[in-house]
């Protein structure tokens, strides 16, 4: 009986990976303007979800959200929303369907980078702060490429989970994500007190990122174990949202 449960769990995990692979390919094709081919990939993903995962599984929700985002209200096809890098922000106030859809795209990035690349456990990567933080997702067309989240601690806006897909690194994508975060902080109508600094949590092993942030006038503060990673806190006064940071070769900026 135990072996049967293990086999079932393994089959579900393989199904999820297959769905993610089809979604990734669909995003690439849609970004290239190959709408029909992209929809074929999503249809394959949807069939896997129907057979193996069920209607309430997060992968199923993700596939259906992406498919709906590629169609207009009348059902006709829609091209990529913006072929340039653009950002969307979402939080607990965002409409549930939209919020869940964006968060599933964010999960793709965080799982690929923090879980698969940096070795963080899934059980600690997705935590209670996901429900209280402001989220920023960067996309090329409909394809998610960079992400960060932030929340307020005292008079600081704390930024963590900053990440970028490998193929988009060293292209200033993460820098622009962090700029968007800074702008999001300054324009937020949820703040109840003055925010004096932007605080980025950087893994200790990311020395190149620390150097880039230092060049952008971020000051290293304390070493700590933040959530699940040994990190260094780097802070910069909230003067403006223009942060001249170049990207590194890692999963972070």
C-alpha atoms as a PDB file:
ATOM      1  CA  UNK A   1       0.000   0.000   0.000  1.00  0.00           C
ATOM      2  CA  UNK A   2       2.843   2.361   0.868  1.00  0.00           C
ATOM      3  CA  UNK A   3       4.516   1.663  -2.464  1.00  0.00           C
ATOM      4  CA  UNK A   4       1.248   2.464  -4.233  1.00  0.00           C
ATOM      5  CA  UNK A   5       1.091   5.883  -2.535  1.00  0.00           C
ATOM      6  CA  UNK A   6       4.709   6.573  -3.443  1.00  0.00           C
ATOM      7  CA  UNK A   7       4.057   5.615  -7.052  1.00  0.00           C
ATOM      8  CA  UNK A   8       1.018   7.892  -7.122  1.00  0.00           C
ATOM      9  CA  UNK A   9       2.989  10.830  -5.734  1.00  0.00           C
ATOM     10  CA  UNK A  10       5.752  10.220  -8.247  1.00  0.00           C
ATOM     11  CA  UNK A  11       3.232  10.149 -11.093  1.00  0.00           C
ATOM     12  CA  UNK A  12       1.732  13.466  -9.919  1.00  0.00           C
ATOM     13  CA  UNK A  13       5.172  15.082  -9.692  1.00  0.00           C
ATOM     14  CA  UNK A  14       6.072  13.897 -13.194  1.00  0.00           C
ATOM     15  CA  UNK A  15       2.758  15.269 -14.467  1.00  0.00           C
ATOM     16  CA  UNK A  16       3.502  18.673 -12.918  1.00  0.00           C
ATOM     17  CA  UNK A  17       6.927  18.762 -14.524  1.00  0.00           C
ATOM     18  CA  UNK A  18       5.413  17.877 -17.882  1.00  0.00           C
ATOM     19  CA  UNK A  19       2.867  20.673 -17.515  1.00  0.00           C
ATOM     20  CA  UNK A  20       5.603  23.178 -16.641  1.00  0.00           C
ATOM     21  CA  UNK A  21       7.623  22.135 -19.688  1.00  0.00           C
ATOM     22  CA  UNK A  22       4.646  22.678 -22.004  1.00  0.00           C
ATOM     23  CA  UNK A  23       3.928  26.067 -20.382  1.00  0.00           C
ATOM     24  CA  UNK A  24       7.534  27.203 -20.812  1.00  0.00           C
ATOM     25  CA  UNK A  25       7.478  26.212 -24.471  1.00  0.00           C
ATOM     26  CA  UNK A  26       4.109  27.885 -25.003  1.00  0.00           C
ATOM     27  CA  UNK A  27       5.443  31.144 -23.546  1.00  0.00           C
ATOM     28  CA  UNK A  28       8.425  31.032 -25.881  1.00  0.00           C
ATOM     29  CA  UNK A  29       6.236  30.385 -28.928  1.00  0.00           C
ATOM     30  CA  UNK A  30       3.732  33.080 -28.003  1.00  0.00           C
ATOM     31  CA  UNK A  31       6.528  35.570 -27.513  1.00  0.00           C
ATOM     32  CA  UNK A  32       7.659  34.708 -31.059  1.00  0.00           C
ATOM     33  CA  UNK A  33       4.165  35.395 -32.401  1.00  0.00           C
ATOM     34  CA  UNK A  34       3.411  31.697 -33.025  1.00  0.00           C
ATOM     35  CA  UNK A  35       0.001  31.759 -31.396  1.00  0.00           C
ATOM     36  CA  UNK A  36      -1.387  28.493 -32.814  1.00  0.00           C
ATOM     37  CA  UNK A  37       1.707  26.525 -31.811  1.00  0.00           C
ATOM     38  CA  UNK A  38       1.612  28.067 -28.335  1.00  0.00           C
ATOM     39  CA  UNK A  39      -2.018  27.064 -27.853  1.00  0.00           C
ATOM     40  CA  UNK A  40      -1.202  23.499 -28.926  1.00  0.00           C
ATOM     41  CA  UNK A  41       1.381  23.309 -26.138  1.00  0.00           C
ATOM     42  CA  UNK A  42      -1.128  24.629 -23.622  1.00  0.00           C
ATOM     43  CA  UNK A  43      -3.776  22.162 -24.814  1.00  0.00           C
ATOM     44  CA  UNK A  44      -1.324  19.338 -24.165  1.00  0.00           C
ATOM     45  CA  UNK A  45      -0.685  20.726 -20.703  1.00  0.00           C
ATOM     46  CA  UNK A  46      -4.427  21.001 -20.063  1.00  0.00           C
ATOM     47  CA  UNK A  47      -4.993  17.368 -21.057  1.00  0.00           C
ATOM     48  CA  UNK A  48      -2.317  16.260 -18.585  1.00  0.00           C
ATOM     49  CA  UNK A  49      -4.032  18.307 -15.892  1.00  0.00           C
ATOM     50  CA  UNK A  50      -7.414  16.733 -16.668  1.00  0.00           C
ATOM     51  CA  UNK A  51      -6.076  13.174 -16.629  1.00  0.00           C
ATOM     52  CA  UNK A  52      -3.558  13.349 -13.793  1.00  0.00           C
ATOM     53  CA  UNK A  53      -4.073  16.397 -11.572  1.00  0.00           C
ATOM     54  CA  UNK A  54      -7.712  17.441 -11.396  1.00  0.00           C
ATOM     55  CA  UNK A  55      -9.445  20.838 -11.653  1.00  0.00           C
ATOM     56  CA  UNK A  56      -8.297  22.241  -8.297  1.00  0.00           C
ATOM     57  CA  UNK A  57      -4.595  21.526  -8.675  1.00  0.00           C
ATOM     58  CA  UNK A  58      -2.378  24.638  -8.866  1.00  0.00           C
ATOM     59  CA  UNK A  59      -0.915  23.497 -12.194  1.00  0.00           C
ATOM     60  CA  UNK A  60      -4.421  23.259 -13.666  1.00  0.00           C
ATOM     61  CA  UNK A  61      -5.284  26.749 -12.428  1.00  0.00           C
ATOM     62  CA  UNK A  62      -2.050  28.056 -13.922  1.00  0.00           C
ATOM     63  CA  UNK A  63      -2.688  26.505 -17.352  1.00  0.00           C
ATOM     64  CA  UNK A  64      -6.255  27.782 -17.537  1.00  0.00           C
ATOM     65  CA  UNK A  65      -5.158  31.281 -16.500  1.00  0.00           C
ATOM     66  CA  UNK A  66      -2.473  31.424 -19.202  1.00  0.00           C
ATOM     67  CA  UNK A  67      -4.895  30.118 -21.848  1.00  0.00           C
ATOM     68  CA  UNK A  68      -7.465  32.750 -20.915  1.00  0.00           C
ATOM     69  CA  UNK A  69      -4.800  35.475 -21.017  1.00  0.00           C
ATOM     70  CA  UNK A  70      -4.117  34.600 -24.664  1.00  0.00           C
ATOM     71  CA  UNK A  71      -7.708  35.265 -25.703  1.00  0.00           C
ATOM     72  CA  UNK A  72      -9.890  38.356 -25.803  1.00  0.00           C
ATOM     73  CA  UNK A  73     -13.262  38.423 -24.068  1.00  0.00           C
ATOM     74  CA  UNK A  74     -14.964  37.270 -27.288  1.00  0.00           C
ATOM     75  CA  UNK A  75     -12.653  34.264 -27.573  1.00  0.00           C
ATOM     76  CA  UNK A  76     -10.458  35.600 -30.372  1.00  0.00           C
ATOM     77  CA  UNK A  77      -6.700  35.290 -30.096  1.00  0.00           C
ATOM     78  CA  UNK A  78      -4.666  38.036 -28.473  1.00  0.00           C
ATOM     79  CA  UNK A  79      -1.059  38.797 -29.204  1.00  0.00           C
ATOM     80  CA  UNK A  80       1.484  39.284 -26.406  1.00  0.00           C
ATOM     81  CA  UNK A  81       0.383  42.172 -24.213  1.00  0.00           C
ATOM     82  CA  UNK A  82       3.697  43.970 -24.545  1.00  0.00           C
ATOM     83  CA  UNK A  83       6.745  42.695 -26.409  1.00  0.00           C
ATOM     84  CA  UNK A  84       8.967  44.912 -24.247  1.00  0.00           C
ATOM     85  CA  UNK A  85       9.853  44.173 -20.642  1.00  0.00           C
ATOM     86  CA  UNK A  86       6.958  45.301 -18.478  1.00  0.00           C
ATOM     87  CA  UNK A  87       5.892  44.776 -14.880  1.00  0.00           C
ATOM     88  CA  UNK A  88       2.735  43.997 -12.965  1.00  0.00           C
ATOM     89  CA  UNK A  89       2.246  44.363  -9.252  1.00  0.00           C
ATOM     90  CA  UNK A  90      -0.209  42.326  -7.210  1.00  0.00           C
ATOM     91  CA  UNK A  91      -1.132  41.678  -3.579  1.00  0.00           C
ATOM     92  CA  UNK A  92      -3.989  40.517  -1.396  1.00  0.00           C
ATOM     93  CA  UNK A  93      -6.245  43.277  -2.757  1.00  0.00           C
ATOM     94  CA  UNK A  94      -5.944  42.097  -6.365  1.00  0.00           C
ATOM     95  CA  UNK A  95      -8.905  40.185  -7.793  1.00  0.00           C
ATOM     96  CA  UNK A  96      -8.540  36.537  -6.780  1.00  0.00           C
ATOM     97  CA  UNK A  97      -8.401  35.000 -10.270  1.00  0.00           C
ATOM     98  CA  UNK A  98      -5.844  37.544 -11.435  1.00  0.00           C
ATOM     99  CA  UNK A  99      -3.789  37.245  -8.262  1.00  0.00           C
ATOM    100  CA  UNK A 100      -3.725  33.439  -8.421  1.00  0.00           C
ATOM    101  CA  UNK A 101      -2.767  33.525 -12.082  1.00  0.00           C
ATOM    102  CA  UNK A 102       0.132  35.908 -11.565  1.00  0.00           C
ATOM    103  CA  UNK A 103       1.302  34.031  -8.482  1.00  0.00           C
ATOM    104  CA  UNK A 104       1.403  30.770 -10.416  1.00  0.00           C
ATOM    105  CA  UNK A 105       3.679  32.455 -12.963  1.00  0.00           C
ATOM    106  CA  UNK A 106       5.838  33.717 -10.091  1.00  0.00           C
ATOM    107  CA  UNK A 107       6.018  30.187  -8.707  1.00  0.00           C
ATOM    108  CA  UNK A 108       7.552  29.026 -11.993  1.00  0.00           C
ATOM    109  CA  UNK A 109      10.431  31.473 -11.548  1.00  0.00           C
ATOM    110  CA  UNK A 110      10.953  30.868  -7.848  1.00  0.00           C
ATOM    111  CA  UNK A 111      10.845  27.110  -8.167  1.00  0.00           C
ATOM    112  CA  UNK A 112      13.277  27.067 -11.088  1.00  0.00           C
ATOM    113  CA  UNK A 113      15.770  29.443  -9.459  1.00  0.00           C
ATOM    114  CA  UNK A 114      15.538  29.052  -5.694  1.00  0.00           C
ATOM    115  CA  UNK A 115      14.467  25.407  -5.516  1.00  0.00           C
ATOM    116  CA  UNK A 116      16.193  23.848  -8.520  1.00  0.00           C
ATOM    117  CA  UNK A 117      19.202  26.159  -8.917  1.00  0.00           C
ATOM    118  CA  UNK A 118      19.969  27.226  -5.336  1.00  0.00           C
ATOM    119  CA  UNK A 119      18.703  24.080  -3.612  1.00  0.00           C
ATOM    120  CA  UNK A 120      16.082  25.648  -1.356  1.00  0.00           C
ATOM    121  CA  UNK A 121      13.362  23.286  -0.133  1.00  0.00           C
ATOM    122  CA  UNK A 122       9.883  23.828  -1.538  1.00  0.00           C
ATOM    123  CA  UNK A 123       8.410  23.700   1.958  1.00  0.00           C
ATOM    124  CA  UNK A 124      10.335  26.817   3.005  1.00  0.00           C
ATOM    125  CA  UNK A 125      10.503  28.677  -0.308  1.00  0.00           C
ATOM    126  CA  UNK A 126       6.773  29.398  -0.310  1.00  0.00           C
ATOM    127  CA  UNK A 127       5.874  30.841   3.077  1.00  0.00           C
ATOM    128  CA  UNK A 128       3.430  32.978   5.037  1.00  0.00           C
ATOM    129  CA  UNK A 129       4.960  36.214   3.687  1.00  0.00           C
ATOM    130  CA  UNK A 130       3.489  35.394   0.286  1.00  0.00           C
ATOM    131  CA  UNK A 131       0.088  36.330   1.704  1.00  0.00           C
ATOM    132  CA  UNK A 132       1.175  39.688   3.143  1.00  0.00           C
ATOM    133  CA  UNK A 133       3.830  40.924   0.717  1.00  0.00           C
ATOM    134  CA  UNK A 134       3.585  43.100  -2.371  1.00  0.00           C
ATOM    135  CA  UNK A 135       4.640  41.120  -5.449  1.00  0.00           C
ATOM    136  CA  UNK A 136       6.297  42.366  -8.635  1.00  0.00           C
ATOM    137  CA  UNK A 137       6.400  40.209 -11.769  1.00  0.00           C
ATOM    138  CA  UNK A 138       8.331  41.160 -14.906  1.00  0.00           C
ATOM    139  CA  UNK A 139       7.291  39.795 -18.293  1.00  0.00           C
ATOM    140  CA  UNK A 140       8.345  39.836 -21.924  1.00  0.00           C
ATOM    141  CA  UNK A 141       5.051  39.442 -23.731  1.00  0.00           C
ATOM    142  CA  UNK A 142       3.215  36.905 -21.590  1.00  0.00           C
ATOM    143  CA  UNK A 143       6.393  35.111 -20.496  1.00  0.00           C
ATOM    144  CA  UNK A 144       7.511  35.692 -16.872  1.00  0.00           C
ATOM    145  CA  UNK A 145      11.237  36.449 -16.623  1.00  0.00           C
ATOM    146  CA  UNK A 146      11.904  38.225 -13.296  1.00  0.00           C
ATOM    147  CA  UNK A 147      10.283  38.577  -9.886  1.00  0.00           C
ATOM    148  CA  UNK A 148      10.618  40.129  -6.433  1.00  0.00           C
ATOM    149  CA  UNK A 149       8.452  40.695  -3.397  1.00  0.00           C
ATOM    150  CA  UNK A 150       8.604  43.313  -0.636  1.00  0.00           C
ATOM    151  CA  UNK A 151       7.094  44.094   2.724  1.00  0.00           C
ATOM    152  CA  UNK A 152       7.575  46.744   5.386  1.00  0.00           C
ATOM    153  CA  UNK A 153       9.586  46.145   8.544  1.00  0.00           C
ATOM    154  CA  UNK A 154       9.856  49.242  10.705  1.00  0.00           C
ATOM    155  CA  UNK A 155      10.954  52.081   8.428  1.00  0.00           C
ATOM    156  CA  UNK A 156      12.477  49.786   5.773  1.00  0.00           C
ATOM    157  CA  UNK A 157      11.046  48.166   2.667  1.00  0.00           C
ATOM    158  CA  UNK A 158      12.539  44.658   2.739  1.00  0.00           C
ATOM    159  CA  UNK A 159      13.013  43.031  -0.667  1.00  0.00           C
ATOM    160  CA  UNK A 160      13.606  39.322  -1.071  1.00  0.00           C
ATOM    161  CA  UNK A 161      13.116  36.498  -3.619  1.00  0.00           C
ATOM    162  CA  UNK A 162      14.621  38.748  -6.280  1.00  0.00           C
ATOM    163  CA  UNK A 163      15.335  36.478  -9.264  1.00  0.00           C
ATOM    164  CA  UNK A 164      15.705  36.361 -13.051  1.00  0.00           C
ATOM    165  CA  UNK A 165      15.658  33.466 -15.519  1.00  0.00           C
ATOM    166  CA  UNK A 166      19.135  32.458 -16.773  1.00  0.00           C
ATOM    167  CA  UNK A 167      18.517  33.470 -20.397  1.00  0.00           C
ATOM    168  CA  UNK A 168      17.598  37.015 -19.349  1.00  0.00           C
ATOM    169  CA  UNK A 169      20.544  37.729 -17.052  1.00  0.00           C
ATOM    170  CA  UNK A 170      23.147  40.407 -17.796  1.00  0.00           C
ATOM    171  CA  UNK A 171      20.483  42.359 -19.675  1.00  0.00           C
ATOM    172  CA  UNK A 172      19.553  44.792 -16.842  1.00  0.00           C
ATOM    173  CA  UNK A 173      16.290  42.909 -16.295  1.00  0.00           C
ATOM    174  CA  UNK A 174      16.765  42.475 -12.538  1.00  0.00           C
ATOM    175  CA  UNK A 175      17.930  46.095 -12.206  1.00  0.00           C
ATOM    176  CA  UNK A 176      14.685  47.262 -13.761  1.00  0.00           C
ATOM    177  CA  UNK A 177      12.747  44.918 -11.490  1.00  0.00           C
ATOM    178  CA  UNK A 178      14.383  46.480  -8.446  1.00  0.00           C
ATOM    179  CA  UNK A 179      13.671  49.954  -9.832  1.00  0.00           C
ATOM    180  CA  UNK A 180      10.026  48.998 -10.193  1.00  0.00           C
ATOM    181  CA  UNK A 181       9.997  47.763  -6.604  1.00  0.00           C
ATOM    182  CA  UNK A 182      11.433  51.083  -5.399  1.00  0.00           C
ATOM    183  CA  UNK A 183       8.799  52.982  -7.381  1.00  0.00           C
ATOM    184  CA  UNK A 184       6.099  50.645  -6.064  1.00  0.00           C
ATOM    185  CA  UNK A 185       7.197  51.321  -2.487  1.00  0.00           C
ATOM    186  CA  UNK A 186       7.190  55.092  -2.917  1.00  0.00           C
ATOM    187  CA  UNK A 187       3.798  55.154  -4.644  1.00  0.00           C
ATOM    188  CA  UNK A 188       2.072  52.672  -2.340  1.00  0.00           C
ATOM    189  CA  UNK A 189      -1.083  53.921  -0.636  1.00  0.00           C
ATOM    190  CA  UNK A 190      -0.883  51.210   2.027  1.00  0.00           C
ATOM    191  CA  UNK A 191       2.032  52.694   3.954  1.00  0.00           C
ATOM    192  CA  UNK A 192       1.198  53.926   7.446  1.00  0.00           C
ATOM    193  CA  UNK A 193       4.645  55.370   8.170  1.00  0.00           C
ATOM    194  CA  UNK A 194       7.591  56.895   6.358  1.00  0.00           C
ATOM    195  CA  UNK A 195       9.880  54.434   4.553  1.00  0.00           C
ATOM    196  CA  UNK A 196      13.480  55.529   4.944  1.00  0.00           C
ATOM    197  CA  UNK A 197      15.404  52.797   3.131  1.00  0.00           C
ATOM    198  CA  UNK A 198      15.264  49.921   0.673  1.00  0.00           C
ATOM    199  CA  UNK A 199      16.738  46.746   2.177  1.00  0.00           C
ATOM    200  CA  UNK A 200      17.693  43.875  -0.137  1.00  0.00           C
ATOM    201  CA  UNK A 201      18.408  40.434   1.314  1.00  0.00           C
ATOM    202  CA  UNK A 202      21.339  38.940  -0.629  1.00  0.00           C
ATOM    203  CA  UNK A 203      22.628  35.349  -0.205  1.00  0.00           C
ATOM    204  CA  UNK A 204      26.176  35.338   1.178  1.00  0.00           C
ATOM    205  CA  UNK A 205      27.526  33.387  -1.787  1.00  0.00           C
ATOM    206  CA  UNK A 206      26.328  36.061  -4.228  1.00  0.00           C
ATOM    207  CA  UNK A 207      29.463  38.212  -3.924  1.00  0.00           C
ATOM    208  CA  UNK A 208      29.122  39.706  -7.400  1.00  0.00           C
ATOM    209  CA  UNK A 209      25.613  40.893  -6.607  1.00  0.00           C
ATOM    210  CA  UNK A 210      26.870  42.446  -3.395  1.00  0.00           C
ATOM    211  CA  UNK A 211      29.504  44.337  -5.390  1.00  0.00           C
ATOM    212  CA  UNK A 212      26.916  45.583  -7.898  1.00  0.00           C
ATOM    213  CA  UNK A 213      24.636  46.774  -5.130  1.00  0.00           C
ATOM    214  CA  UNK A 214      27.559  48.488  -3.413  1.00  0.00           C
ATOM    215  CA  UNK A 215      28.278  50.344  -6.658  1.00  0.00           C
ATOM    216  CA  UNK A 216      24.662  51.525  -6.580  1.00  0.00           C
ATOM    217  CA  UNK A 217      25.224  52.930  -3.052  1.00  0.00           C
ATOM    218  CA  UNK A 218      23.725  50.036  -1.112  1.00  0.00           C
ATOM    219  CA  UNK A 219      25.513  49.647   2.224  1.00  0.00           C
ATOM    220  CA  UNK A 220      26.122  46.161   3.691  1.00  0.00           C
ATOM    221  CA  UNK A 221      24.642  45.829   7.166  1.00  0.00           C
ATOM    222  CA  UNK A 222      24.368  42.556   9.071  1.00  0.00           C
ATOM    223  CA  UNK A 223      24.819  38.899   8.195  1.00  0.00           C
ATOM    224  CA  UNK A 224      21.789  36.822   9.104  1.00  0.00           C
ATOM    225  CA  UNK A 225      19.856  33.694   8.263  1.00  0.00           C
ATOM    226  CA  UNK A 226      16.855  35.195   6.502  1.00  0.00           C
ATOM    227  CA  UNK A 227      14.093  32.651   6.044  1.00  0.00           C
ATOM    228  CA  UNK A 228      16.054  29.758   4.547  1.00  0.00           C
ATOM    229  CA  UNK A 229      19.286  31.331   3.243  1.00  0.00           C
ATOM    230  CA  UNK A 230      22.369  32.791   4.890  1.00  0.00           C
ATOM    231  CA  UNK A 231      22.179  36.370   3.694  1.00  0.00           C
ATOM    232  CA  UNK A 232      23.625  39.817   4.031  1.00  0.00           C
ATOM    233  CA  UNK A 233      21.314  42.789   4.354  1.00  0.00           C
ATOM    234  CA  UNK A 234      22.180  45.666   2.008  1.00  0.00           C
ATOM    235  CA  UNK A 235      20.437  49.008   2.408  1.00  0.00           C
ATOM    236  CA  UNK A 236      20.056  52.229   0.484  1.00  0.00           C
ATOM    237  CA  UNK A 237      18.251  55.422   1.446  1.00  0.00           C
ATOM    238  CA  UNK A 238      14.959  55.946  -0.383  1.00  0.00           C
ATOM    239  CA  UNK A 239      15.966  59.033  -2.366  1.00  0.00           C
ATOM    240  CA  UNK A 240      14.535  58.014  -5.733  1.00  0.00           C
ATOM    241  CA  UNK A 241      13.695  54.936  -7.776  1.00  0.00           C
ATOM    242  CA  UNK A 242      16.643  55.093 -10.191  1.00  0.00           C
ATOM    243  CA  UNK A 243      19.011  52.287  -9.234  1.00  0.00           C
ATOM    244  CA  UNK A 244      21.986  51.837 -11.606  1.00  0.00           C
ATOM    245  CA  UNK A 245      22.491  48.126 -10.946  1.00  0.00           C
ATOM    246  CA  UNK A 246      23.802  45.711 -13.546  1.00  0.00           C
ATOM    247  CA  UNK A 247      22.776  42.060 -13.563  1.00  0.00           C
ATOM    248  CA  UNK A 248      25.043  39.174 -12.642  1.00  0.00           C
ATOM    249  CA  UNK A 249      25.238  35.617 -13.890  1.00  0.00           C
ATOM    250  CA  UNK A 250      23.327  34.177 -10.950  1.00  0.00           C
ATOM    251  CA  UNK A 251      19.619  33.745 -10.347  1.00  0.00           C
ATOM    252  CA  UNK A 252      19.568  37.063  -8.555  1.00  0.00           C
ATOM    253  CA  UNK A 253      20.197  40.506 -10.142  1.00  0.00           C
END
